[in-house]
Amino acid sequence: MVKTKFSISVHIMTLLAMFEGEWLTSSHIAGSLNVNPVLVRKELSALKLGGLIESKEGKNGGVKILKNASKIKMSDIFSIAKGSDNVLSLLKNTPNPKCLVGKQINEKLKPIMSRIDNAITNELGKITLEEFRKEF
């Protein structure tokens, strides 16, 4: 679910921005989130693929932020958390193709959902991670 992934990812990135240059373990991050480290590692993997963090294995390993927080937009985090999903979702089942509404509903909803995603991305693009971090 996009809304949960985004919240978790922002929490992680804010924590990493506060400890810039330090290696934080998934257990440390999970303790801040009060969730299982497995859930944190899943989001860390996406953030790493998105180029926002780096990781190091071993005794002194962990993750740290790759860029200065002033260079990271909240929209960057949103895009990674969202992936190919939309904020709002189409029905999982296939609507009745013989129904006037059912046969067209998904095609009619897709552009609306795309506009919603773009509006969120544009709004989040106005805020840097550094600006958000300073709120703490």
Protein backbone atom coordinates (compact mmCIF):
# COMPACT_ATOMS: atom_id res chain seq x y z
CA MET A 1 0.00 0.00 0.00
CA VAL A 2 1.53 3.28 -1.17
CA LYS A 3 0.47 5.38 1.81
CA THR A 4 2.18 3.06 4.31
CA LYS A 5 5.32 2.62 2.19
CA PHE A 6 5.65 6.38 1.81
CA SER A 7 5.29 7.02 5.55
CA ILE A 8 7.84 4.33 6.37
CA SER A 9 10.26 5.58 3.71
CA VAL A 10 9.98 9.19 4.89
CA HIS A 11 10.59 8.06 8.48
CA ILE A 12 13.68 6.13 7.40
CA MET A 13 15.04 8.96 5.27
CA THR A 14 14.42 11.56 7.98
CA LEU A 15 16.27 9.41 10.50
CA LEU A 16 19.17 8.90 8.08
CA ALA A 17 19.27 12.65 7.37
CA MET A 18 19.52 13.34 11.10
CA PHE A 19 22.45 10.94 11.37
CA GLU A 20 24.06 11.90 8.04
CA GLY A 21 27.34 10.08 7.50
CA GLU A 22 26.58 7.41 10.12
CA TRP A 23 25.72 3.78 9.41
CA LEU A 24 22.38 2.87 10.99
CA THR A 25 21.24 -0.74 11.33
CA SER A 26 17.82 -1.93 10.27
CA SER A 27 17.23 -2.84 13.94
CA HIS A 28 17.96 0.73 15.01
CA ILE A 29 15.61 2.08 12.34
CA ALA A 30 12.96 -0.52 13.19
CA GLY A 31 13.16 0.58 16.83
CA SER A 32 12.37 4.15 15.81
CA LEU A 33 9.45 2.97 13.69
CA ASN A 34 8.39 0.39 16.29
CA VAL A 35 8.08 -2.27 13.58
CA ASN A 36 9.77 -5.52 12.65
CA PRO A 37 13.22 -5.05 11.01
CA VAL A 38 12.06 -7.23 8.09
CA LEU A 39 9.57 -4.52 7.08
CA VAL A 40 12.34 -1.91 7.31
CA ARG A 41 14.72 -3.98 5.16
CA LYS A 42 12.08 -4.23 2.44
CA GLU A 43 11.81 -0.45 2.23
CA LEU A 44 15.58 -0.01 2.55
CA SER A 45 15.98 -2.20 -0.51
CA ALA A 46 13.68 0.06 -2.53
CA LEU A 47 15.45 3.21 -1.30
CA LYS A 48 18.79 1.71 -2.25
CA LEU A 49 17.54 0.80 -5.74
CA GLY A 50 16.26 4.35 -6.00
CA GLY A 51 19.75 5.70 -5.33
CA LEU A 52 18.97 7.51 -2.08
CA ILE A 53 20.90 5.29 0.33
CA GLU A 54 23.85 2.93 0.40
CA SER A 55 24.35 -0.15 2.52
CA LYS A 56 27.27 -2.00 4.01
CA GLU A 57 27.21 -5.52 5.40
CA GLY A 58 29.08 -6.83 8.40
CA LYS A 59 29.67 -5.98 12.03
CA ASN A 60 29.91 -2.23 11.44
CA GLY A 61 27.41 -2.28 8.59
CA GLY A 62 24.11 -0.61 8.08
CA VAL A 63 22.69 2.05 5.80
CA LYS A 64 23.36 5.72 5.31
CA ILE A 65 22.02 8.49 3.15
CA LEU A 66 23.82 9.01 -0.17
CA LYS A 67 22.88 12.61 -0.94
CA ASN A 68 22.59 15.72 1.13
CA ALA A 69 19.02 16.00 2.41
CA SER A 70 18.69 19.43 0.76
CA LYS A 71 19.10 17.70 -2.62
CA ILE A 72 16.35 15.12 -1.98
CA LYS A 73 12.77 16.13 -2.70
CA MET A 74 9.91 14.45 -0.87
CA SER A 75 8.64 13.58 -4.35
CA ASP A 76 11.79 11.46 -4.88
CA ILE A 77 10.85 9.38 -1.84
CA PHE A 78 7.22 9.23 -2.96
CA SER A 79 8.18 7.98 -6.43
CA ILE A 80 10.28 5.19 -4.94
CA ALA A 81 7.59 4.19 -2.43
CA LYS A 82 4.86 4.35 -5.08
CA GLY A 83 6.73 2.34 -7.67
CA SER A 84 4.42 1.48 -10.55
CA ASP A 85 1.33 1.61 -8.32
CA ASN A 86 -1.17 4.44 -8.23
CA VAL A 87 -2.17 6.08 -4.97
CA LEU A 88 -5.72 4.96 -5.67
CA SER A 89 -6.30 1.50 -7.09
CA LEU A 90 -8.60 -0.05 -9.63
CA LEU A 91 -10.77 -2.95 -8.56
CA LYS A 92 -8.88 -6.23 -8.28
CA ASN A 93 -11.66 -8.13 -10.02
CA THR A 94 -12.59 -7.64 -13.67
CA PRO A 95 -15.84 -5.68 -13.95
CA ASN A 96 -18.65 -7.10 -16.05
CA PRO A 97 -17.75 -6.44 -19.73
CA LYS A 98 -21.46 -6.55 -20.65
CA CYS A 99 -22.27 -3.68 -18.31
CA LEU A 100 -22.22 -0.12 -19.70
CA VAL A 101 -20.19 1.09 -16.69
CA GLY A 102 -18.27 -2.13 -16.01
CA LYS A 103 -16.80 -2.39 -19.50
CA GLN A 104 -15.36 1.17 -19.33
CA ILE A 105 -14.78 1.97 -15.68
CA ASN A 106 -11.08 1.11 -15.51
CA GLU A 107 -10.20 3.00 -18.69
CA LYS A 108 -12.12 6.06 -17.46
CA LEU A 109 -10.49 5.94 -14.00
CA LYS A 110 -6.88 5.57 -15.19
CA PRO A 111 -6.40 9.20 -16.34
CA ILE A 112 -8.01 10.51 -13.15
CA MET A 113 -5.69 8.37 -11.04
CA SER A 114 -2.72 9.54 -13.06
CA ARG A 115 -3.67 13.20 -12.48
CA ILE A 116 -3.97 12.52 -8.73
CA ASP A 117 -0.50 10.93 -8.65
CA ASN A 118 0.93 13.86 -10.61
CA ALA A 119 -0.68 16.39 -8.26
CA ILE A 120 0.81 14.63 -5.23
CA THR A 121 4.22 14.40 -6.90
CA ASN A 122 4.13 18.11 -7.82
CA GLU A 123 3.18 19.12 -4.27
CA LEU A 124 5.84 16.92 -2.68
CA GLY A 125 8.38 18.29 -5.14
CA LYS A 126 8.11 21.64 -3.33
CA ILE A 127 9.54 20.19 -0.10
CA THR A 128 13.07 18.92 0.48
CA LEU A 129 13.95 16.21 2.97
CA GLU A 130 16.10 18.82 4.75
CA GLU A 131 13.13 21.15 5.17
CA PHE A 132 11.10 18.28 6.59
CA ARG A 133 13.95 17.12 8.85
CA LYS A 134 14.20 20.58 10.41
CA GLU A 135 10.68 20.15 11.78
CA PHE A 136 12.05 17.76 14.42
